[in-house]
Amino acid sequence: MVINNGIKEAREKKMMTQNDLAKRMGVDVNVIKDWEENNTMISLKDVRRLTKYLDATSDQLLLGCTKPPIDLSGLTEDQIEEIFSLFITI
């Protein structure tokens, strides 16, 4: 998965250094650097762990999104598909 700078932003918001996060995750600091600089792919397992350590959503970490997710619970499947098709064409 290619990531945006959402990891760096979330880490800095928690006032953590790359070294702090690496220690918590049990990885080398270069792994954190590579994730933040988009030099390597990140696994879904690591994304899930990051959401825990950084108190952030996967959208925030992967896409840099800070907006809350859209509630689609009241929509039909057809309406949801129409919304997704709009995003794909943008």
PDB file of N, CA and C in Angstrom:
ATOM      1  N   MET A   1       0.829  -1.176   0.000  1.00  0.00           N
ATOM      2  CA  MET A   1       0.000   0.000   0.000  1.00  0.00           C
ATOM      3  C   MET A   1       0.881   1.250   0.000  1.00  0.00           C
ATOM      4  N   VAL A   2       0.654   2.144  -0.910  1.00  0.00           N
ATOM      5  CA  VAL A   2       1.387   3.404  -0.913  1.00  0.00           C
ATOM      6  C   VAL A   2       0.672   4.364   0.015  1.00  0.00           C
ATOM      7  N   ILE A   3       1.452   5.082   0.796  1.00  0.00           N
ATOM      8  CA  ILE A   3       0.854   5.960   1.790  1.00  0.00           C
ATOM      9  C   ILE A   3       1.167   7.413   1.504  1.00  0.00           C
ATOM     10  N   ASN A   4       0.388   8.255   2.108  1.00  0.00           N
ATOM     11  CA  ASN A   4       0.604   9.684   2.057  1.00  0.00           C
ATOM     12  C   ASN A   4       1.437  10.052   3.273  1.00  0.00           C
ATOM     13  N   ASN A   5       1.529  11.311   3.577  1.00  0.00           N
ATOM     14  CA  ASN A   5       2.272  11.730   4.757  1.00  0.00           C
ATOM     15  C   ASN A   5       1.403  11.706   6.005  1.00  0.00           C
ATOM     16  N   GLY A   6       0.326  10.984   5.971  1.00  0.00           N
ATOM     17  CA  GLY A   6      -0.562  10.909   7.125  1.00  0.00           C
ATOM     18  C   GLY A   6       0.091  10.298   8.343  1.00  0.00           C
ATOM     19  N   ILE A   7       1.011   9.369   8.138  1.00  0.00           N
ATOM     20  CA  ILE A   7       1.698   8.755   9.277  1.00  0.00           C
ATOM     21  C   ILE A   7       2.532   9.804   9.994  1.00  0.00           C
ATOM     22  N   LYS A   8       3.280  10.571   9.241  1.00  0.00           N
ATOM     23  CA  LYS A   8       4.117  11.610   9.847  1.00  0.00           C
ATOM     24  C   LYS A   8       3.262  12.622  10.599  1.00  0.00           C
ATOM     25  N   GLU A   9       2.175  13.053   9.976  1.00  0.00           N
ATOM     26  CA  GLU A   9       1.294  14.032  10.624  1.00  0.00           C
ATOM     27  C   GLU A   9       0.714  13.484  11.921  1.00  0.00           C
ATOM     28  N   ALA A  10       0.247  12.240  11.886  1.00  0.00           N
ATOM     29  CA  ALA A  10      -0.340  11.634  13.085  1.00  0.00           C
ATOM     30  C   ALA A  10       0.717  11.436  14.167  1.00  0.00           C
ATOM     31  N   ARG A  11       1.912  11.037  13.755  1.00  0.00           N
ATOM     32  CA  ARG A  11       2.999  10.838  14.720  1.00  0.00           C
ATOM     33  C   ARG A  11       3.376  12.155  15.390  1.00  0.00           C
ATOM     34  N   GLU A  12       3.503  13.203  14.591  1.00  0.00           N
ATOM     35  CA  GLU A  12       3.859  14.507  15.145  1.00  0.00           C
ATOM     36  C   GLU A  12       2.749  15.052  16.044  1.00  0.00           C
ATOM     37  N   LYS A  13       1.509  14.775  15.695  1.00  0.00           N
ATOM     38  CA  LYS A  13       0.384  15.212  16.527  1.00  0.00           C
ATOM     39  C   LYS A  13       0.450  14.567  17.907  1.00  0.00           C
ATOM     40  N   LYS A  14       0.931  13.328  17.964  1.00  0.00           N
ATOM     41  CA  LYS A  14       1.094  12.618  19.237  1.00  0.00           C
ATOM     42  C   LYS A  14       2.404  12.996  19.930  1.00  0.00           C
ATOM     43  N   MET A  15       3.152  13.921  19.307  1.00  0.00           N
ATOM     44  CA  MET A  15       4.434  14.392  19.828  1.00  0.00           C
ATOM     45  C   MET A  15       5.417  13.234  20.017  1.00  0.00           C
ATOM     46  N   MET A  16       5.450  12.369  19.016  1.00  0.00           N
ATOM     47  CA  MET A  16       6.361  11.230  19.024  1.00  0.00           C
ATOM     48  C   MET A  16       7.419  11.427  17.949  1.00  0.00           C
ATOM     49  N   THR A  17       8.627  10.968  18.241  1.00  0.00           N
ATOM     50  CA  THR A  17       9.671  10.951  17.222  1.00  0.00           C
ATOM     51  C   THR A  17       9.542   9.657  16.423  1.00  0.00           C
ATOM     52  N   GLN A  18      10.240   9.599  15.312  1.00  0.00           N
ATOM     53  CA  GLN A  18      10.258   8.359  14.545  1.00  0.00           C
ATOM     54  C   GLN A  18      10.825   7.224  15.398  1.00  0.00           C
ATOM     55  N   ASN A  19      11.817   7.550  16.204  1.00  0.00           N
ATOM     56  CA  ASN A  19      12.431   6.553  17.076  1.00  0.00           C
ATOM     57  C   ASN A  19      11.435   6.050  18.123  1.00  0.00           C
ATOM     58  N   ASP A  20      10.645   6.964  18.698  1.00  0.00           N
ATOM     59  CA  ASP A  20       9.616   6.566  19.676  1.00  0.00           C
ATOM     60  C   ASP A  20       8.640   5.571  19.053  1.00  0.00           C
ATOM     61  N   LEU A  21       8.153   5.898  17.865  1.00  0.00           N
ATOM     62  CA  LEU A  21       7.178   5.041  17.199  1.00  0.00           C
ATOM     63  C   LEU A  21       7.801   3.696  16.828  1.00  0.00           C
ATOM     64  N   ALA A  22       9.033   3.728  16.360  1.00  0.00           N
ATOM     65  CA  ALA A  22       9.722   2.486  16.002  1.00  0.00           C
ATOM     66  C   ALA A  22       9.842   1.562  17.212  1.00  0.00           C
ATOM     67  N   LYS A  23      10.183   2.122  18.356  1.00  0.00           N
ATOM     68  CA  LYS A  23      10.304   1.309  19.572  1.00  0.00           C
ATOM     69  C   LYS A  23       8.963   0.696  19.952  1.00  0.00           C
ATOM     70  N   ARG A  24       7.898   1.484  19.892  1.00  0.00           N
ATOM     71  CA  ARG A  24       6.566   0.967  20.236  1.00  0.00           C
ATOM     72  C   ARG A  24       6.133  -0.139  19.280  1.00  0.00           C
ATOM     73  N   MET A  25       6.485   0.027  18.005  1.00  0.00           N
ATOM     74  CA  MET A  25       6.081  -0.951  16.992  1.00  0.00           C
ATOM     75  C   MET A  25       7.020  -2.154  16.946  1.00  0.00           C
ATOM     76  N   GLY A  26       8.195  -2.016  17.554  1.00  0.00           N
ATOM     77  CA  GLY A  26       9.166  -3.104  17.519  1.00  0.00           C
ATOM     78  C   GLY A  26       9.850  -3.250  16.173  1.00  0.00           C
ATOM     79  N   VAL A  27      10.047  -2.113  15.496  1.00  0.00           N
ATOM     80  CA  VAL A  27      10.717  -2.114  14.192  1.00  0.00           C
ATOM     81  C   VAL A  27      11.885  -1.139  14.229  1.00  0.00           C
ATOM     82  N   ASP A  28      12.748  -1.245  13.244  1.00  0.00           N
ATOM     83  CA  ASP A  28      13.863  -0.322  13.118  1.00  0.00           C
ATOM     84  C   ASP A  28      13.339   1.055  12.714  1.00  0.00           C
ATOM     85  N   VAL A  29      13.994   2.095  13.157  1.00  0.00           N
ATOM     86  CA  VAL A  29      13.562   3.457  12.841  1.00  0.00           C
ATOM     87  C   VAL A  29      13.533   3.696  11.333  1.00  0.00           C
ATOM     88  N   ASN A  30      14.383   3.000  10.588  1.00  0.00           N
ATOM     89  CA  ASN A  30      14.393   3.163   9.128  1.00  0.00           C
ATOM     90  C   ASN A  30      13.099   2.687   8.484  1.00  0.00           C
ATOM     91  N   VAL A  31      12.411   1.752   9.117  1.00  0.00           N
ATOM     92  CA  VAL A  31      11.112   1.300   8.612  1.00  0.00           C
ATOM     93  C   VAL A  31      10.119   2.456   8.671  1.00  0.00           C
ATOM     94  N   ILE A  32      10.100   3.162   9.792  1.00  0.00           N
ATOM     95  CA  ILE A  32       9.201   4.312   9.954  1.00  0.00           C
ATOM     96  C   ILE A  32       9.553   5.385   8.923  1.00  0.00           C
ATOM     97  N   LYS A  33      10.834   5.664   8.775  1.00  0.00           N
ATOM     98  CA  LYS A  33      11.274   6.660   7.794  1.00  0.00           C
ATOM     99  C   LYS A  33      10.820   6.277   6.389  1.00  0.00           C
ATOM    100  N   ASP A  34      10.998   5.007   6.043  1.00  0.00           N
ATOM    101  CA  ASP A  34      10.596   4.557   4.708  1.00  0.00           C
ATOM    102  C   ASP A  34       9.096   4.684   4.497  1.00  0.00           C
ATOM    103  N   TRP A  35       8.304   4.354   5.505  1.00  0.00           N
ATOM    104  CA  TRP A  35       6.853   4.514   5.385  1.00  0.00           C
ATOM    105  C   TRP A  35       6.494   5.974   5.158  1.00  0.00           C
ATOM    106  N   GLU A  36       7.088   6.856   5.948  1.00  0.00           N
ATOM    107  CA  GLU A  36       6.750   8.279   5.852  1.00  0.00           C
ATOM    108  C   GLU A  36       7.207   8.899   4.537  1.00  0.00           C
ATOM    109  N   GLU A  37       8.260   8.364   3.958  1.00  0.00           N
ATOM    110  CA  GLU A  37       8.795   8.904   2.705  1.00  0.00           C
ATOM    111  C   GLU A  37       8.319   8.118   1.483  1.00  0.00           C
ATOM    112  N   ASN A  38       7.369   7.196   1.697  1.00  0.00           N
ATOM    113  CA  ASN A  38       6.829   6.372   0.606  1.00  0.00           C
ATOM    114  C   ASN A  38       7.897   5.564  -0.121  1.00  0.00           C
ATOM    115  N   ASN A  39       8.902   5.112   0.615  1.00  0.00           N
ATOM    116  CA  ASN A  39       9.971   4.318   0.011  1.00  0.00           C
ATOM    117  C   ASN A  39       9.691   2.823   0.049  1.00  0.00           C
ATOM    118  N   THR A  40       8.706   2.428   0.818  1.00  0.00           N
ATOM    119  CA  THR A  40       8.374   1.015   0.938  1.00  0.00           C
ATOM    120  C   THR A  40       6.881   0.859   1.174  1.00  0.00           C
ATOM    121  N   MET A  41       6.386  -0.328   0.874  1.00  0.00           N
ATOM    122  CA  MET A  41       4.965  -0.596   1.096  1.00  0.00           C
ATOM    123  C   MET A  41       4.741  -0.981   2.553  1.00  0.00           C
ATOM    124  N   ILE A  42       3.559  -0.724   3.029  1.00  0.00           N
ATOM    125  CA  ILE A  42       3.198  -1.050   4.400  1.00  0.00           C
ATOM    126  C   ILE A  42       2.103  -2.115   4.373  1.00  0.00           C
ATOM    127  N   SER A  43       2.203  -3.055   5.280  1.00  0.00           N
ATOM    128  CA  SER A  43       1.202  -4.124   5.327  1.00  0.00           C
ATOM    129  C   SER A  43      -0.050  -3.647   6.051  1.00  0.00           C
ATOM    130  N   LEU A  44      -1.144  -4.321   5.776  1.00  0.00           N
ATOM    131  CA  LEU A  44      -2.395  -4.008   6.458  1.00  0.00           C
ATOM    132  C   LEU A  44      -2.245  -4.219   7.961  1.00  0.00           C
ATOM    133  N   LYS A  45      -1.509  -5.240   8.344  1.00  0.00           N
ATOM    134  CA  LYS A  45      -1.258  -5.514   9.766  1.00  0.00           C
ATOM    135  C   LYS A  45      -0.574  -4.315  10.431  1.00  0.00           C
ATOM    136  N   ASP A  46       0.426  -3.753   9.753  1.00  0.00           N
ATOM    137  CA  ASP A  46       1.128  -2.601  10.316  1.00  0.00           C
ATOM    138  C   ASP A  46       0.249  -1.353  10.334  1.00  0.00           C
ATOM    139  N   VAL A  47      -0.607  -1.199   9.332  1.00  0.00           N
ATOM    140  CA  VAL A  47      -1.546  -0.070   9.341  1.00  0.00           C
ATOM    141  C   VAL A  47      -2.442  -0.171  10.566  1.00  0.00           C
ATOM    142  N   ARG A  48      -2.941  -1.363  10.825  1.00  0.00           N
ATOM    143  CA  ARG A  48      -3.805  -1.559  11.995  1.00  0.00           C
ATOM    144  C   ARG A  48      -3.068  -1.244  13.289  1.00  0.00           C
ATOM    145  N   ARG A  49      -1.821  -1.651  13.370  1.00  0.00           N
ATOM    146  CA  ARG A  49      -1.029  -1.349  14.570  1.00  0.00           C
ATOM    147  C   ARG A  49      -0.802   0.157  14.704  1.00  0.00           C
ATOM    148  N   LEU A  50      -0.536   0.814  13.586  1.00  0.00           N
ATOM    149  CA  LEU A  50      -0.331   2.264  13.618  1.00  0.00           C
ATOM    150  C   LEU A  50      -1.584   2.997  14.087  1.00  0.00           C
ATOM    151  N   THR A  51      -2.756   2.530  13.660  1.00  0.00           N
ATOM    152  CA  THR A  51      -3.990   3.197  14.093  1.00  0.00           C
ATOM    153  C   THR A  51      -4.101   3.162  15.610  1.00  0.00           C
ATOM    154  N   LYS A  52      -3.643   2.082  16.205  1.00  0.00           N
ATOM    155  CA  LYS A  52      -3.677   1.945  17.662  1.00  0.00           C
ATOM    156  C   LYS A  52      -2.676   2.892  18.326  1.00  0.00           C
ATOM    157  N   TYR A  53      -1.438   2.870  17.862  1.00  0.00           N
ATOM    158  CA  TYR A  53      -0.390   3.669  18.498  1.00  0.00           C
ATOM    159  C   TYR A  53      -0.552   5.168  18.259  1.00  0.00           C
ATOM    160  N   LEU A  54      -1.145   5.535  17.133  1.00  0.00           N
ATOM    161  CA  LEU A  54      -1.253   6.953  16.789  1.00  0.00           C
ATOM    162  C   LEU A  54      -2.657   7.517  16.978  1.00  0.00           C
ATOM    163  N   ASP A  55      -3.586   6.694  17.452  1.00  0.00           N
ATOM    164  CA  ASP A  55      -4.977   7.142  17.635  1.00  0.00           C
ATOM    165  C   ASP A  55      -5.503   7.825  16.377  1.00  0.00           C
ATOM    166  N   ALA A  56      -5.334   7.160  15.252  1.00  0.00           N
ATOM    167  CA  ALA A  56      -5.754   7.715  13.967  1.00  0.00           C
ATOM    168  C   ALA A  56      -6.468   6.628  13.172  1.00  0.00           C
ATOM    169  N   THR A  57      -7.270   7.052  12.212  1.00  0.00           N
ATOM    170  CA  THR A  57      -7.941   6.087  11.340  1.00  0.00           C
ATOM    171  C   THR A  57      -6.992   5.681  10.215  1.00  0.00           C
ATOM    172  N   SER A  58      -7.305   4.585   9.568  1.00  0.00           N
ATOM    173  CA  SER A  58      -6.492   4.163   8.426  1.00  0.00           C
ATOM    174  C   SER A  58      -6.571   5.193   7.299  1.00  0.00           C
ATOM    175  N   ASP A  59      -7.715   5.839   7.132  1.00  0.00           N
ATOM    176  CA  ASP A  59      -7.835   6.900   6.120  1.00  0.00           C
ATOM    177  C   ASP A  59      -6.874   8.043   6.415  1.00  0.00           C
ATOM    178  N   GLN A  60      -6.773   8.414   7.675  1.00  0.00           N
ATOM    179  CA  GLN A  60      -5.854   9.491   8.043  1.00  0.00           C
ATOM    180  C   GLN A  60      -4.412   9.091   7.743  1.00  0.00           C
ATOM    181  N   LEU A  61      -4.064   7.863   8.057  1.00  0.00           N
ATOM    182  CA  LEU A  61      -2.690   7.415   7.867  1.00  0.00           C
ATOM    183  C   LEU A  61      -2.336   7.194   6.404  1.00  0.00           C
ATOM    184  N   LEU A  62      -3.228   6.587   5.666  1.00  0.00           N
ATOM    185  CA  LEU A  62      -2.925   6.216   4.283  1.00  0.00           C
ATOM    186  C   LEU A  62      -3.190   7.322   3.282  1.00  0.00           C
ATOM    187  N   LEU A  63      -4.205   8.112   3.536  1.00  0.00           N
ATOM    188  CA  LEU A  63      -4.618   9.127   2.568  1.00  0.00           C
ATOM    189  C   LEU A  63      -4.396  10.555   3.038  1.00  0.00           C
ATOM    190  N   GLY A  64      -4.080  10.707   4.304  1.00  0.00           N
ATOM    191  CA  GLY A  64      -3.931  12.042   4.856  1.00  0.00           C
ATOM    192  C   GLY A  64      -5.259  12.727   5.100  1.00  0.00           C
ATOM    193  N   CYS A  65      -6.356  11.960   5.077  1.00  0.00           N
ATOM    194  CA  CYS A  65      -7.701  12.516   5.279  1.00  0.00           C
ATOM    195  C   CYS A  65      -7.921  12.849   6.746  1.00  0.00           C
ATOM    196  N   THR A  66      -8.442  14.020   6.988  1.00  0.00           N
ATOM    197  CA  THR A  66      -8.768  14.391   8.363  1.00  0.00           C
ATOM    198  C   THR A  66     -10.265  14.542   8.568  1.00  0.00           C
ATOM    199  N   LYS A  67     -11.012  14.403   7.501  1.00  0.00           N
ATOM    200  CA  LYS A  67     -12.466  14.517   7.615  1.00  0.00           C
ATOM    201  C   LYS A  67     -13.037  13.210   8.149  1.00  0.00           C
ATOM    202  N   PRO A  68     -14.111  13.289   8.915  1.00  0.00           N
ATOM    203  CA  PRO A  68     -14.736  12.046   9.397  1.00  0.00           C
ATOM    204  C   PRO A  68     -15.327  11.270   8.230  1.00  0.00           C
ATOM    205  N   PRO A  69     -15.435   9.948   8.368  1.00  0.00           N
ATOM    206  CA  PRO A  69     -16.004   9.156   7.279  1.00  0.00           C
ATOM    207  C   PRO A  69     -17.457   9.520   7.019  1.00  0.00           C
ATOM    208  N   ILE A  70     -17.887   9.300   5.797  1.00  0.00           N
ATOM    209  CA  ILE A  70     -19.266   9.585   5.403  1.00  0.00           C
ATOM    210  C   ILE A  70     -20.149   8.422   5.834  1.00  0.00           C
ATOM    211  N   ASP A  71     -21.268   8.730   6.455  1.00  0.00           N
ATOM    212  CA  ASP A  71     -22.211   7.701   6.893  1.00  0.00           C
ATOM    213  C   ASP A  71     -23.108   7.323   5.720  1.00  0.00           C
ATOM    214  N   LEU A  72     -22.949   6.099   5.256  1.00  0.00           N
ATOM    215  CA  LEU A  72     -23.738   5.610   4.125  1.00  0.00           C
ATOM    216  C   LEU A  72     -24.824   4.643   4.566  1.00  0.00           C
ATOM    217  N   SER A  73     -25.038   4.525   5.852  1.00  0.00           N
ATOM    218  CA  SER A  73     -25.940   3.493   6.372  1.00  0.00           C
ATOM    219  C   SER A  73     -27.390   3.660   5.919  1.00  0.00           C
ATOM    220  N   GLY A  74     -27.832   4.851   5.599  1.00  0.00           N
ATOM    221  CA  GLY A  74     -29.214   5.056   5.189  1.00  0.00           C
ATOM    222  C   GLY A  74     -29.444   4.947   3.691  1.00  0.00           C
ATOM    223  N   LEU A  75     -28.404   4.596   2.942  1.00  0.00           N
ATOM    224  CA  LEU A  75     -28.512   4.553   1.486  1.00  0.00           C
ATOM    225  C   LEU A  75     -28.699   3.130   0.981  1.00  0.00           C
ATOM    226  N   THR A  76     -29.311   3.028  -0.186  1.00  0.00           N
ATOM    227  CA  THR A  76     -29.456   1.725  -0.831  1.00  0.00           C
ATOM    228  C   THR A  76     -28.134   1.352  -1.501  1.00  0.00           C
ATOM    229  N   GLU A  77     -28.007   0.089  -1.885  1.00  0.00           N
ATOM    230  CA  GLU A  77     -26.806  -0.367  -2.593  1.00  0.00           C
ATOM    231  C   GLU A  77     -26.615   0.409  -3.892  1.00  0.00           C
ATOM    232  N   ASP A  78     -27.699   0.675  -4.606  1.00  0.00           N
ATOM    233  CA  ASP A  78     -27.612   1.430  -5.856  1.00  0.00           C
ATOM    234  C   ASP A  78     -27.092   2.844  -5.615  1.00  0.00           C
ATOM    235  N   GLN A  79     -27.565   3.483  -4.557  1.00  0.00           N
ATOM    236  CA  GLN A  79     -27.106   4.833  -4.241  1.00  0.00           C
ATOM    237  C   GLN A  79     -25.619   4.833  -3.871  1.00  0.00           C
ATOM    238  N   ILE A  80     -25.198   3.841  -3.111  1.00  0.00           N
ATOM    239  CA  ILE A  80     -23.791   3.741  -2.721  1.00  0.00           C
ATOM    240  C   ILE A  80     -22.917   3.516  -3.954  1.00  0.00           C
ATOM    241  N   GLU A  81     -23.350   2.641  -4.849  1.00  0.00           N
ATOM    242  CA  GLU A  81     -22.600   2.400  -6.079  1.00  0.00           C
ATOM    243  C   GLU A  81     -22.495   3.666  -6.918  1.00  0.00           C
ATOM    244  N   GLU A  82     -23.549   4.451  -6.963  1.00  0.00           N
ATOM    245  CA  GLU A  82     -23.530   5.713  -7.713  1.00  0.00           C
ATOM    246  C   GLU A  82     -22.516   6.680  -7.114  1.00  0.00           C
ATOM    247  N   ILE A  83     -22.478   6.769  -5.805  1.00  0.00           N
ATOM    248  CA  ILE A  83     -21.512   7.650  -5.134  1.00  0.00           C
ATOM    249  C   ILE A  83     -20.091   7.205  -5.447  1.00  0.00           C
ATOM    250  N   PHE A  84     -19.819   5.904  -5.334  1.00  0.00           N
ATOM    251  CA  PHE A  84     -18.479   5.404  -5.622  1.00  0.00           C
ATOM    252  C   PHE A  84     -18.095   5.643  -7.075  1.00  0.00           C
ATOM    253  N   SER A  85     -19.046   5.509  -7.986  1.00  0.00           N
ATOM    254  CA  SER A  85     -18.732   5.742  -9.396  1.00  0.00           C
ATOM    255  C   SER A  85     -18.364   7.208  -9.633  1.00  0.00           C
ATOM    256  N   LEU A  86     -18.949   8.109  -8.870  1.00  0.00           N
ATOM    257  CA  LEU A  86     -18.583   9.524  -8.978  1.00  0.00           C
ATOM    258  C   LEU A  86     -17.140   9.750  -8.546  1.00  0.00           C
ATOM    259  N   PHE A  87     -16.717   9.090  -7.475  1.00  0.00           N
ATOM    260  CA  PHE A  87     -15.340   9.232  -7.006  1.00  0.00           C
ATOM    261  C   PHE A  87     -14.350   8.667  -8.011  1.00  0.00           C
ATOM    262  N   ILE A  88     -14.713   7.581  -8.644  1.00  0.00           N
ATOM    263  CA  ILE A  88     -13.817   6.938  -9.599  1.00  0.00           C
ATOM    264  C   ILE A  88     -13.600   7.823 -10.821  1.00  0.00           C
ATOM    265  N   THR A  89     -14.612   8.566 -11.237  1.00  0.00           N
ATOM    266  CA  THR A  89     -14.489   9.404 -12.432  1.00  0.00           C
ATOM    267  C   THR A  89     -13.777  10.720 -12.165  1.00  0.00           C
ATOM    268  N   ILE A  90     -13.546  11.052 -10.918  1.00  0.00           N
ATOM    269  CA  ILE A  90     -12.881  12.325 -10.591  1.00  0.00           C
ATOM    270  C   ILE A  90     -11.399  12.218 -10.819  1.00  0.00           C
TER     271      ILE A  90
END
